[in-house]
Amino acid sequence: ALANTVMREARRELGSDQSGSKDGQNVAENTIAIAVDKVLKRRGESLDDLERANIIIHLQKDLLGWGVLQPLIDNKEVTDIHVYDYNTVVLQRGKVSEPTGLH
């Protein structure tokens, strides 16, 4: 629960940060880490290093390209991606459909 809250607030923090992404440029890992640390400090919370790193990695993927869909887009075997709702993402390899578990 804390990790989700930190990610949500860090996204807001990055949106208000002028050093974030502009004109398609990538948001630097250090910029994301600073935003996460700022949120944790403001909330008076702490996370272990592994959980903090996972949040930073997740935010990087989320802020670049198509977020959680990007690995599917990059996979040459995937011919179609169907997003039915926030919790149902199905990929197709040729004529075979596979649930992804992504949301």
Protein backbone atom coordinates (compact mmCIF):
# COMPACT_ATOMS: atom_id res chain seq x y z
CA ALA A 1 0.00 0.00 0.00
CA LEU A 2 2.82 2.43 0.85
CA ALA A 3 4.62 1.69 -2.43
CA ASN A 4 1.49 2.51 -4.47
CA THR A 5 1.00 5.75 -2.57
CA VAL A 6 4.65 6.72 -3.04
CA MET A 7 4.47 5.96 -6.79
CA ARG A 8 1.29 8.01 -7.20
CA GLU A 9 2.71 10.98 -5.29
CA ALA A 10 6.10 10.74 -7.03
CA ARG A 11 4.31 10.86 -10.43
CA ARG A 12 2.65 14.09 -9.29
CA GLU A 13 6.00 15.40 -8.05
CA LEU A 14 7.64 14.60 -11.38
CA GLY A 15 4.81 16.29 -13.23
CA SER A 16 5.49 19.53 -11.37
CA ASP A 17 9.28 19.22 -11.71
CA GLN A 18 10.77 21.30 -14.53
CA SER A 19 13.74 18.92 -14.90
CA GLY A 20 11.46 16.04 -15.96
CA SER A 21 10.69 14.82 -19.46
CA LYS A 22 10.37 17.41 -22.23
CA ASP A 23 9.83 16.84 -25.92
CA GLY A 24 10.13 13.06 -25.55
CA GLN A 25 13.37 13.11 -23.56
CA ASN A 26 13.78 10.47 -20.88
CA VAL A 27 13.36 11.31 -17.23
CA ALA A 28 16.71 10.67 -15.54
CA GLU A 29 16.83 7.95 -12.91
CA ASN A 30 18.31 10.45 -10.47
CA THR A 31 15.34 12.79 -11.00
CA ILE A 32 12.94 9.95 -10.22
CA ALA A 33 14.95 8.95 -7.12
CA ILE A 34 14.86 12.54 -5.85
CA ALA A 35 11.08 12.67 -6.33
CA VAL A 36 10.62 9.36 -4.47
CA ASP A 37 12.85 10.52 -1.62
CA LYS A 38 10.99 13.82 -1.42
CA VAL A 39 7.66 11.99 -1.10
CA LEU A 40 9.03 9.63 1.56
CA LYS A 41 10.46 12.53 3.54
CA ARG A 42 7.22 14.52 3.32
CA ARG A 43 5.25 11.49 4.56
CA GLY A 44 7.78 10.63 7.26
CA GLU A 45 8.08 7.11 5.85
CA SER A 46 10.99 4.93 4.78
CA LEU A 47 11.43 1.95 2.49
CA ASP A 48 14.16 -0.65 2.28
CA ASP A 49 16.60 -0.27 -0.62
CA LEU A 50 15.04 -3.07 -2.70
CA GLU A 51 11.51 -1.68 -2.46
CA ARG A 52 12.76 1.86 -3.24
CA ALA A 53 14.67 0.54 -6.29
CA ASN A 54 11.57 -1.33 -7.50
CA ILE A 55 9.52 1.87 -7.28
CA ILE A 56 12.16 3.79 -9.25
CA ILE A 57 12.32 1.08 -11.94
CA HIS A 58 8.53 0.92 -12.18
CA LEU A 59 8.28 4.70 -12.52
CA GLN A 60 10.99 4.71 -15.22
CA LYS A 61 9.08 2.14 -17.24
CA ASP A 62 5.83 3.98 -16.63
CA LEU A 63 7.22 7.33 -17.75
CA LEU A 64 8.94 6.02 -20.89
CA GLY A 65 7.17 4.83 -24.01
CA TRP A 66 4.01 2.87 -23.35
CA GLY A 67 4.66 1.96 -19.72
CA VAL A 68 3.74 -1.61 -18.81
CA LEU A 69 2.82 -2.33 -22.44
CA GLN A 70 6.27 -1.45 -23.80
CA PRO A 71 7.78 -4.96 -23.38
CA LEU A 72 4.85 -6.40 -25.38
CA ILE A 73 5.27 -3.76 -28.08
CA ASP A 74 9.00 -4.52 -28.30
CA ASN A 75 8.42 -8.28 -28.59
CA LYS A 76 8.53 -9.17 -32.32
CA GLU A 77 6.44 -12.31 -31.71
CA VAL A 78 3.46 -10.27 -30.48
CA THR A 79 1.19 -9.38 -33.38
CA ASP A 80 -1.63 -7.61 -31.48
CA ILE A 81 -2.31 -6.20 -28.03
CA HIS A 82 -5.89 -5.87 -26.83
CA VAL A 83 -6.66 -3.67 -23.82
CA TYR A 84 -10.26 -4.32 -22.81
CA ASP A 85 -10.23 -2.45 -19.52
CA TYR A 86 -7.81 -1.44 -16.76
CA ASN A 87 -7.44 -5.05 -15.64
CA THR A 88 -7.62 -7.04 -18.90
CA VAL A 89 -4.72 -6.98 -21.37
CA VAL A 90 -4.50 -9.80 -23.91
CA LEU A 91 -1.75 -10.34 -26.45
CA GLN A 92 -1.87 -12.23 -29.69
CA ARG A 93 0.89 -14.24 -31.29
CA GLY A 94 -0.46 -14.94 -34.74
CA LYS A 95 -3.94 -16.33 -34.14
CA VAL A 96 -3.32 -17.41 -30.54
CA SER A 97 -4.55 -15.12 -27.75
CA GLU A 98 -2.85 -15.12 -24.33
CA PRO A 99 -3.83 -13.28 -21.15
CA THR A 100 -0.92 -11.19 -19.87
CA GLY A 101 -1.80 -10.54 -16.23
CA LEU A 102 -0.96 -6.86 -16.80
CA HIS A 103 -3.17 -4.14 -15.47
